[in-house]
C-alpha atoms as a PDB file:
ATOM      1  CA  UNK A   1     108.193 168.310 -19.377  1.00  0.00           C
ATOM      2  CA  UNK A   2     105.123 166.650 -20.851  1.00  0.00           C
ATOM      3  CA  UNK A   3     101.731 167.517 -19.417  1.00  0.00           C
ATOM      4  CA  UNK A   4      99.574 164.915 -17.701  1.00  0.00           C
ATOM      5  CA  UNK A   5      97.361 164.720 -20.762  1.00  0.00           C
ATOM      6  CA  UNK A   6     100.349 164.229 -23.067  1.00  0.00           C
ATOM      7  CA  UNK A   7     101.770 161.438 -20.906  1.00  0.00           C
ATOM      8  CA  UNK A   8      98.439 159.607 -20.756  1.00  0.00           C
ATOM      9  CA  UNK A   9      98.047 159.981 -24.522  1.00  0.00           C
ATOM     10  CA  UNK A  10     101.565 158.574 -25.056  1.00  0.00           C
ATOM     11  CA  UNK A  11     100.514 155.336 -23.356  1.00  0.00           C
ATOM     12  CA  UNK A  12      97.633 154.707 -25.774  1.00  0.00           C
ATOM     13  CA  UNK A  13      97.756 151.224 -27.297  1.00  0.00           C
ATOM     14  CA  UNK A  14     101.163 150.535 -25.794  1.00  0.00           C
ATOM     15  CA  UNK A  15     102.952 148.035 -23.609  1.00  0.00           C
ATOM     16  CA  UNK A  16     103.984 149.034 -20.091  1.00  0.00           C
ATOM     17  CA  UNK A  17     106.601 146.720 -18.605  1.00  0.00           C
ATOM     18  CA  UNK A  18     106.676 146.129 -14.867  1.00  0.00           C
ATOM     19  CA  UNK A  19     110.336 146.018 -13.787  1.00  0.00           C
ATOM     20  CA  UNK A  20     110.490 144.997 -10.139  1.00  0.00           C
ATOM     21  CA  UNK A  21     112.571 142.892  -7.812  1.00  0.00           C
ATOM     22  CA  UNK A  22     112.177 142.410  -4.087  1.00  0.00           C
ATOM     23  CA  UNK A  23     114.454 141.172  -1.301  1.00  0.00           C
ATOM     24  CA  UNK A  24     114.375 137.398  -1.477  1.00  0.00           C
ATOM     25  CA  UNK A  25     114.110 137.320  -5.272  1.00  0.00           C
ATOM     26  CA  UNK A  26     116.878 135.309  -6.895  1.00  0.00           C
ATOM     27  CA  UNK A  27     117.295 138.252  -9.290  1.00  0.00           C
ATOM     28  CA  UNK A  28     117.381 140.942  -6.598  1.00  0.00           C
ATOM     29  CA  UNK A  29     120.552 143.007  -6.244  1.00  0.00           C
ATOM     30  CA  UNK A  30     121.586 146.624  -5.787  1.00  0.00           C
ATOM     31  CA  UNK A  31     119.268 147.907  -8.511  1.00  0.00           C
ATOM     32  CA  UNK A  32     121.147 147.006 -11.654  1.00  0.00           C
ATOM     33  CA  UNK A  33     118.742 144.201 -12.560  1.00  0.00           C
ATOM     34  CA  UNK A  34     115.730 146.520 -12.761  1.00  0.00           C
ATOM     35  CA  UNK A  35     117.738 149.043 -14.766  1.00  0.00           C
ATOM     36  CA  UNK A  36     118.712 146.339 -17.249  1.00  0.00           C
ATOM     37  CA  UNK A  37     115.068 145.222 -17.429  1.00  0.00           C
ATOM     38  CA  UNK A  38     113.946 148.793 -18.106  1.00  0.00           C
ATOM     39  CA  UNK A  39     116.576 149.357 -20.790  1.00  0.00           C
ATOM     40  CA  UNK A  40     115.535 146.128 -22.491  1.00  0.00           C
ATOM     41  CA  UNK A  41     111.876 147.180 -22.282  1.00  0.00           C
ATOM     42  CA  UNK A  42     112.624 150.540 -23.860  1.00  0.00           C
ATOM     43  CA  UNK A  43     114.651 148.886 -26.627  1.00  0.00           C
ATOM     44  CA  UNK A  44     111.725 146.546 -27.287  1.00  0.00           C
ATOM     45  CA  UNK A  45     109.238 149.386 -27.696  1.00  0.00           C
ATOM     46  CA  UNK A  46     107.605 149.744 -24.265  1.00  0.00           C
ATOM     47  CA  UNK A  47     105.839 153.061 -23.691  1.00  0.00           C
ATOM     48  CA  UNK A  48     106.364 153.177 -19.899  1.00  0.00           C
ATOM     49  CA  UNK A  49     107.836 151.325 -16.931  1.00  0.00           C
ATOM     50  CA  UNK A  50     106.132 150.268 -13.693  1.00  0.00           C
ATOM     51  CA  UNK A  51     108.454 150.089 -10.694  1.00  0.00           C
ATOM     52  CA  UNK A  52     108.258 149.394  -6.961  1.00  0.00           C
ATOM     53  CA  UNK A  53     109.998 151.518  -4.289  1.00  0.00           C
ATOM     54  CA  UNK A  54     111.601 154.965  -4.530  1.00  0.00           C
ATOM     55  CA  UNK A  55     115.049 153.358  -4.800  1.00  0.00           C
ATOM     56  CA  UNK A  56     114.214 151.331  -7.895  1.00  0.00           C
ATOM     57  CA  UNK A  57     112.218 154.198  -9.407  1.00  0.00           C
ATOM     58  CA  UNK A  58     115.221 156.511  -9.012  1.00  0.00           C
ATOM     59  CA  UNK A  59     117.630 154.024 -10.580  1.00  0.00           C
ATOM     60  CA  UNK A  60     115.356 153.499 -13.582  1.00  0.00           C
ATOM     61  CA  UNK A  61     114.573 157.212 -13.931  1.00  0.00           C
ATOM     62  CA  UNK A  62     118.287 157.986 -14.215  1.00  0.00           C
ATOM     63  CA  UNK A  63     118.801 155.358 -16.921  1.00  0.00           C
ATOM     64  CA  UNK A  64     115.669 155.279 -19.081  1.00  0.00           C
ATOM     65  CA  UNK A  65     113.745 158.027 -20.836  1.00  0.00           C
ATOM     66  CA  UNK A  66     110.227 156.659 -20.353  1.00  0.00           C
ATOM     67  CA  UNK A  67     107.366 157.610 -18.035  1.00  0.00           C
ATOM     68  CA  UNK A  68     107.525 155.671 -14.769  1.00  0.00           C
ATOM     69  CA  UNK A  69     104.545 154.376 -12.832  1.00  0.00           C
ATOM     70  CA  UNK A  70     105.827 154.278  -9.266  1.00  0.00           C
ATOM     71  CA  UNK A  71     104.393 152.372  -6.327  1.00  0.00           C
ATOM     72  CA  UNK A  72     105.616 151.367  -2.895  1.00  0.00           C
ATOM     73  CA  UNK A  73     104.511 147.982  -1.525  1.00  0.00           C
ATOM     74  CA  UNK A  74     104.293 148.076   2.258  1.00  0.00           C
ATOM     75  CA  UNK A  75     103.469 145.063   4.405  1.00  0.00           C
ATOM     76  CA  UNK A  76     101.676 145.595   7.717  1.00  0.00           C
ATOM     77  CA  UNK A  77     102.102 142.758  10.211  1.00  0.00           C
ATOM     78  CA  UNK A  78      98.904 143.500  12.106  1.00  0.00           C
ATOM     79  CA  UNK A  79      96.869 143.376   8.888  1.00  0.00           C
ATOM     80  CA  UNK A  80      98.588 140.494   7.157  1.00  0.00           C
ATOM     81  CA  UNK A  81      98.667 141.979   3.684  1.00  0.00           C
ATOM     82  CA  UNK A  82     100.451 144.435   1.428  1.00  0.00           C
ATOM     83  CA  UNK A  83      99.156 147.903   0.630  1.00  0.00           C
ATOM     84  CA  UNK A  84     100.541 149.685  -2.398  1.00  0.00           C
ATOM     85  CA  UNK A  85     101.519 153.300  -1.611  1.00  0.00           C
ATOM     86  CA  UNK A  86      99.504 153.594   1.615  1.00  0.00           C
ATOM     87  CA  UNK A  87     100.339 157.203   2.591  1.00  0.00           C
ATOM     88  CA  UNK A  88     101.018 160.588   1.053  1.00  0.00           C
ATOM     89  CA  UNK A  89     104.599 160.321   2.330  1.00  0.00           C
ATOM     90  CA  UNK A  90     105.114 157.214   0.202  1.00  0.00           C
ATOM     91  CA  UNK A  91     103.586 158.989  -2.802  1.00  0.00           C
ATOM     92  CA  UNK A  92     105.825 162.040  -2.353  1.00  0.00           C
ATOM     93  CA  UNK A  93     108.923 159.836  -2.119  1.00  0.00           C
ATOM     94  CA  UNK A  94     108.020 158.196  -5.432  1.00  0.00           C
ATOM     95  CA  UNK A  95     107.448 161.601  -7.037  1.00  0.00           C
ATOM     96  CA  UNK A  96     110.822 162.873  -5.799  1.00  0.00           C
ATOM     97  CA  UNK A  97     112.459 159.729  -7.193  1.00  0.00           C
ATOM     98  CA  UNK A  98     111.153 160.498 -10.673  1.00  0.00           C
ATOM     99  CA  UNK A  99     107.771 158.786 -10.996  1.00  0.00           C
ATOM    100  CA  UNK A 100     105.288 161.066 -12.729  1.00  0.00           C
ATOM    101  CA  UNK A 101     102.552 158.448 -12.424  1.00  0.00           C
ATOM    102  CA  UNK A 102     101.745 157.382  -8.863  1.00  0.00           C
ATOM    103  CA  UNK A 103     100.098 153.983  -8.403  1.00  0.00           C
ATOM    104  CA  UNK A 104      98.208 153.072  -5.255  1.00  0.00           C
ATOM    105  CA  UNK A 105      95.680 150.576  -4.026  1.00  0.00           C
ATOM    106  CA  UNK A 106      92.265 152.191  -4.451  1.00  0.00           C
ATOM    107  CA  UNK A 107      89.728 149.767  -3.035  1.00  0.00           C
ATOM    108  CA  UNK A 108      87.315 149.773  -0.120  1.00  0.00           C
ATOM    109  CA  UNK A 109      89.762 147.583   1.815  1.00  0.00           C
ATOM    110  CA  UNK A 110      90.978 149.418   4.954  1.00  0.00           C
ATOM    111  CA  UNK A 111      94.512 150.695   5.242  1.00  0.00           C
ATOM    112  CA  UNK A 112      96.637 150.554   8.399  1.00  0.00           C
ATOM    113  CA  UNK A 113      94.537 153.363   9.904  1.00  0.00           C
ATOM    114  CA  UNK A 114      91.229 151.702   9.094  1.00  0.00           C
ATOM    115  CA  UNK A 115      90.409 154.074   6.226  1.00  0.00           C
ATOM    116  CA  UNK A 116      89.551 152.732   2.736  1.00  0.00           C
ATOM    117  CA  UNK A 117      92.717 152.839   0.649  1.00  0.00           C
ATOM    118  CA  UNK A 118      90.995 154.772  -2.144  1.00  0.00           C
ATOM    119  CA  UNK A 119      90.579 157.765   0.192  1.00  0.00           C
ATOM    120  CA  UNK A 120      94.237 158.639  -0.473  1.00  0.00           C
ATOM    121  CA  UNK A 121      93.379 159.689  -4.048  1.00  0.00           C
ATOM    122  CA  UNK A 122      92.127 163.231  -3.243  1.00  0.00           C
ATOM    123  CA  UNK A 123      95.058 163.704  -0.863  1.00  0.00           C
ATOM    124  CA  UNK A 124      97.550 162.940  -3.626  1.00  0.00           C
ATOM    125  CA  UNK A 125      95.562 165.121  -6.019  1.00  0.00           C
ATOM    126  CA  UNK A 126      95.877 168.041  -3.602  1.00  0.00           C
ATOM    127  CA  UNK A 127      99.478 167.516  -2.480  1.00  0.00           C
ATOM    128  CA  UNK A 128     100.895 166.448  -5.863  1.00  0.00           C
ATOM    129  CA  UNK A 129      98.673 168.209  -8.417  1.00  0.00           C
ATOM    130  CA  UNK A 130     100.998 167.418 -11.333  1.00  0.00           C
ATOM    131  CA  UNK A 131     101.042 163.683 -10.647  1.00  0.00           C
ATOM    132  CA  UNK A 132      98.987 161.232 -12.685  1.00  0.00           C
ATOM    133  CA  UNK A 133      97.053 159.012 -10.283  1.00  0.00           C
ATOM    134  CA  UNK A 134      96.991 155.336 -11.272  1.00  0.00           C
ATOM    135  CA  UNK A 135      94.371 153.501  -9.209  1.00  0.00           C
ATOM    136  CA  UNK A 136      94.937 149.778  -8.703  1.00  0.00           C
ATOM    137  CA  UNK A 137      91.443 148.393  -8.140  1.00  0.00           C
ATOM    138  CA  UNK A 138      89.730 145.019  -7.892  1.00  0.00           C
ATOM    139  CA  UNK A 139      86.212 145.457  -9.289  1.00  0.00           C
ATOM    140  CA  UNK A 140      84.048 147.838 -11.246  1.00  0.00           C
ATOM    141  CA  UNK A 141      82.515 149.424  -8.157  1.00  0.00           C
ATOM    142  CA  UNK A 142      85.928 150.493  -6.886  1.00  0.00           C
ATOM    143  CA  UNK A 143      86.968 151.535 -10.399  1.00  0.00           C
ATOM    144  CA  UNK A 144      84.029 153.927 -10.573  1.00  0.00           C
ATOM    145  CA  UNK A 145      84.658 155.160  -7.030  1.00  0.00           C
ATOM    146  CA  UNK A 146      88.345 155.799  -7.778  1.00  0.00           C
ATOM    147  CA  UNK A 147      87.498 157.742 -10.935  1.00  0.00           C
ATOM    148  CA  UNK A 148      84.972 159.826  -9.011  1.00  0.00           C
ATOM    149  CA  UNK A 149      87.607 160.626  -6.372  1.00  0.00           C
ATOM    150  CA  UNK A 150      89.979 161.903  -9.044  1.00  0.00           C
ATOM    151  CA  UNK A 151      92.018 158.978 -10.379  1.00  0.00           C
ATOM    152  CA  UNK A 152      93.346 159.576 -13.896  1.00  0.00           C
ATOM    153  CA  UNK A 153      93.713 155.867 -14.738  1.00  0.00           C
ATOM    154  CA  UNK A 154      92.273 152.667 -13.270  1.00  0.00           C
ATOM    155  CA  UNK A 155      93.676 149.148 -13.573  1.00  0.00           C
ATOM    156  CA  UNK A 156      92.274 145.786 -12.381  1.00  0.00           C
ATOM    157  CA  UNK A 157      95.592 144.908 -10.722  1.00  0.00           C
ATOM    158  CA  UNK A 158      93.974 143.550  -7.561  1.00  0.00           C
ATOM    159  CA  UNK A 159      91.278 141.433  -9.185  1.00  0.00           C
ATOM    160  CA  UNK A 160      91.405 138.035  -7.504  1.00  0.00           C
ATOM    161  CA  UNK A 161      93.511 139.312  -4.609  1.00  0.00           C
ATOM    162  CA  UNK A 162      90.814 140.885  -2.425  1.00  0.00           C
ATOM    163  CA  UNK A 163      87.968 139.282  -0.517  1.00  0.00           C
ATOM    164  CA  UNK A 164      85.472 140.942  -2.855  1.00  0.00           C
ATOM    165  CA  UNK A 165      87.021 139.228  -5.897  1.00  0.00           C
ATOM    166  CA  UNK A 166      88.121 135.922  -4.389  1.00  0.00           C
ATOM    167  CA  UNK A 167      85.604 134.189  -6.650  1.00  0.00           C
ATOM    168  CA  UNK A 168      87.796 135.006  -9.650  1.00  0.00           C
ATOM    169  CA  UNK A 169      90.192 132.075  -9.592  1.00  0.00           C
ATOM    170  CA  UNK A 170      91.620 132.506 -13.084  1.00  0.00           C
ATOM    171  CA  UNK A 171      92.382 136.152 -13.914  1.00  0.00           C
ATOM    172  CA  UNK A 172      92.268 138.075 -16.143  1.00  0.00           C
ATOM    173  CA  UNK A 173      88.502 138.442 -15.967  1.00  0.00           C
ATOM    174  CA  UNK A 174      87.955 139.798 -19.453  1.00  0.00           C
ATOM    175  CA  UNK A 175      84.181 140.186 -19.084  1.00  0.00           C
ATOM    176  CA  UNK A 176      84.641 142.439 -16.043  1.00  0.00           C
ATOM    177  CA  UNK A 177      87.376 144.390 -17.816  1.00  0.00           C
ATOM    178  CA  UNK A 178      85.169 145.007 -20.841  1.00  0.00           C
ATOM    179  CA  UNK A 179      82.489 146.361 -18.512  1.00  0.00           C
ATOM    180  CA  UNK A 180      85.022 148.707 -16.904  1.00  0.00           C
ATOM    181  CA  UNK A 181      86.041 150.014 -20.307  1.00  0.00           C
ATOM    182  CA  UNK A 182      82.402 150.747 -21.144  1.00  0.00           C
ATOM    183  CA  UNK A 183      81.296 152.240 -17.834  1.00  0.00           C
ATOM    184  CA  UNK A 184      84.297 153.984 -16.218  1.00  0.00           C
ATOM    185  CA  UNK A 185      84.972 157.559 -17.277  1.00  0.00           C
ATOM    186  CA  UNK A 186      88.793 157.393 -17.229  1.00  0.00           C
ATOM    187  CA  UNK A 187      91.241 155.195 -19.191  1.00  0.00           C
ATOM    188  CA  UNK A 188      91.395 151.552 -18.116  1.00  0.00           C
ATOM    189  CA  UNK A 189      94.855 149.994 -18.264  1.00  0.00           C
ATOM    190  CA  UNK A 190      94.943 146.199 -18.283  1.00  0.00           C
ATOM    191  CA  UNK A 191      97.162 144.776 -15.583  1.00  0.00           C
ATOM    192  CA  UNK A 192      97.431 141.352 -14.002  1.00  0.00           C
ATOM    193  CA  UNK A 193      98.083 137.854 -15.358  1.00  0.00           C
ATOM    194  CA  UNK A 194      98.742 138.845 -18.948  1.00  0.00           C
ATOM    195  CA  UNK A 195     101.064 136.087 -20.130  1.00  0.00           C
ATOM    196  CA  UNK A 196     101.116 136.373 -23.922  1.00  0.00           C
ATOM    197  CA  UNK A 197     100.724 138.904 -26.766  1.00  0.00           C
ATOM    198  CA  UNK A 198      97.316 137.479 -27.643  1.00  0.00           C
ATOM    199  CA  UNK A 199      95.915 138.382 -24.212  1.00  0.00           C
ATOM    200  CA  UNK A 200      97.414 141.867 -24.531  1.00  0.00           C
ATOM    201  CA  UNK A 201      95.764 142.316 -27.920  1.00  0.00           C
ATOM    202  CA  UNK A 202      92.452 141.042 -26.546  1.00  0.00           C
ATOM    203  CA  UNK A 203      92.674 143.653 -23.783  1.00  0.00           C
ATOM    204  CA  UNK A 204      93.148 146.442 -26.322  1.00  0.00           C
ATOM    205  CA  UNK A 205      90.295 145.059 -28.431  1.00  0.00           C
ATOM    206  CA  UNK A 206      87.984 145.193 -25.397  1.00  0.00           C
ATOM    207  CA  UNK A 207      88.812 148.867 -24.933  1.00  0.00           C
ATOM    208  CA  UNK A 208      91.819 149.065 -22.622  1.00  0.00           C
ATOM    209  CA  UNK A 209      94.003 152.132 -23.044  1.00  0.00           C
ATOM    210  CA  UNK A 210      97.264 150.200 -22.588  1.00  0.00           C
ATOM    211  CA  UNK A 211      98.543 146.934 -21.114  1.00  0.00           C
ATOM    212  CA  UNK A 212     100.956 146.247 -18.252  1.00  0.00           C
ATOM    213  CA  UNK A 213     102.974 143.021 -18.354  1.00  0.00           C
ATOM    214  CA  UNK A 214     105.346 142.008 -15.579  1.00  0.00           C
ATOM    215  CA  UNK A 215     106.033 138.389 -14.678  1.00  0.00           C
ATOM    216  CA  UNK A 216     105.732 137.113 -18.241  1.00  0.00           C
ATOM    217  CA  UNK A 217     108.625 139.399 -19.241  1.00  0.00           C
ATOM    218  CA  UNK A 218     110.729 140.296 -16.202  1.00  0.00           C
ATOM    219  CA  UNK A 219     110.411 137.428 -13.704  1.00  0.00           C
ATOM    220  CA  UNK A 220     112.616 134.685 -15.187  1.00  0.00           C
ATOM    221  CA  UNK A 221     112.067 132.297 -12.256  1.00  0.00           C
ATOM    222  CA  UNK A 222     108.310 132.333 -12.933  1.00  0.00           C
ATOM    223  CA  UNK A 223     108.830 132.091 -16.685  1.00  0.00           C
ATOM    224  CA  UNK A 224     110.916 128.952 -16.137  1.00  0.00           C
ATOM    225  CA  UNK A 225     108.307 127.545 -13.759  1.00  0.00           C
ATOM    226  CA  UNK A 226     105.536 127.969 -16.310  1.00  0.00           C
ATOM    227  CA  UNK A 227     107.538 125.753 -18.650  1.00  0.00           C
ATOM    228  CA  UNK A 228     108.518 123.150 -16.060  1.00  0.00           C
ATOM    229  CA  UNK A 229     105.019 122.874 -14.586  1.00  0.00           C
ATOM    230  CA  UNK A 230     103.521 122.259 -18.011  1.00  0.00           C
ATOM    231  CA  UNK A 231     106.263 119.891 -19.093  1.00  0.00           C
ATOM    232  CA  UNK A 232     105.815 117.844 -15.921  1.00  0.00           C
ATOM    233  CA  UNK A 233     102.000 117.825 -16.382  1.00  0.00           C
ATOM    234  CA  UNK A 234     101.286 120.084 -13.405  1.00  0.00           C
ATOM    235  CA  UNK A 235     102.446 118.097 -10.363  1.00  0.00           C
ATOM    236  CA  UNK A 236      99.941 118.289  -7.528  1.00  0.00           C
ATOM    237  CA  UNK A 237     102.356 120.104  -5.212  1.00  0.00           C
ATOM    238  CA  UNK A 238     103.433 122.732  -7.736  1.00  0.00           C
ATOM    239  CA  UNK A 239     101.483 125.247  -9.798  1.00  0.00           C
ATOM    240  CA  UNK A 240     103.087 128.377 -11.212  1.00  0.00           C
ATOM    241  CA  UNK A 241      99.761 130.249 -11.222  1.00  0.00           C
ATOM    242  CA  UNK A 242      99.357 129.774  -7.469  1.00  0.00           C
ATOM    243  CA  UNK A 243     103.038 130.465  -6.837  1.00  0.00           C
ATOM    244  CA  UNK A 244     102.942 133.752  -8.728  1.00  0.00           C
ATOM    245  CA  UNK A 245      99.685 134.823  -7.107  1.00  0.00           C
ATOM    246  CA  UNK A 246     100.744 134.123  -3.522  1.00  0.00           C
ATOM    247  CA  UNK A 247     104.483 134.881  -3.554  1.00  0.00           C
ATOM    248  CA  UNK A 248     105.343 138.171  -1.896  1.00  0.00           C
ATOM    249  CA  UNK A 249     108.859 137.708  -0.596  1.00  0.00           C
ATOM    250  CA  UNK A 250     110.235 139.327   2.545  1.00  0.00           C
ATOM    251  CA  UNK A 251     109.233 142.843   1.530  1.00  0.00           C
ATOM    252  CA  UNK A 252     109.525 146.048   3.535  1.00  0.00           C
ATOM    253  CA  UNK A 253     108.019 145.756   6.986  1.00  0.00           C
ATOM    254  CA  UNK A 254     106.003 148.553   8.560  1.00  0.00           C
ATOM    255  CA  UNK A 255     104.119 147.932  11.756  1.00  0.00           C
ATOM    256  CA  UNK A 256     102.877 151.394  12.660  1.00  0.00           C
END
């Protein structure tokens, strides 16, 4: 088995493909869709896969020989938003399913217990010492805080999705990302709203270690909508950027 350092090095300059479906997706089924996505990504030269839920991680792990970044999106009714991998139990389930890289929200936003989500980092580091911790953050302050707590990788996945970054209406925020690459002491992986190879190359040029692409590759309904919105001159009641940013689907419910 590769060491943590070897896995991180293997991602350098590469494309990570996010292969996810959720209940309510027109492409959601018993797991075969994400496996097909992952096989196609590996064939195309991807260096890793990002996947949501232990079930999908396990299916991909059994079919594809690439590192898997695993996360578990949990929606809390009383909070009104999703938290990625909110507890150590969720992290352990992803590890058991085959994810050697554990992704979690690592911001100052409170979790379901009122504790900043980034406080889970040292818990994972202690309980799963062989896991690579992939911190999904929103701004440079939380990127630095996550690195200080022990994250191995940070990614601006949540930029534009939190109250602190609501001012960013058109991600990716390349200026902020360049600052992260200069000032954060761990690798920065570009993630979020990368729609074309040129943006991926720009991310690498600015100093990102690797690039994650999801919707532009593996969400055919959004790919189609990008075309139809442009071809119909952006009707006032339809905008694929807003649809992609706000759509969550009827994901797993947890009210505790």
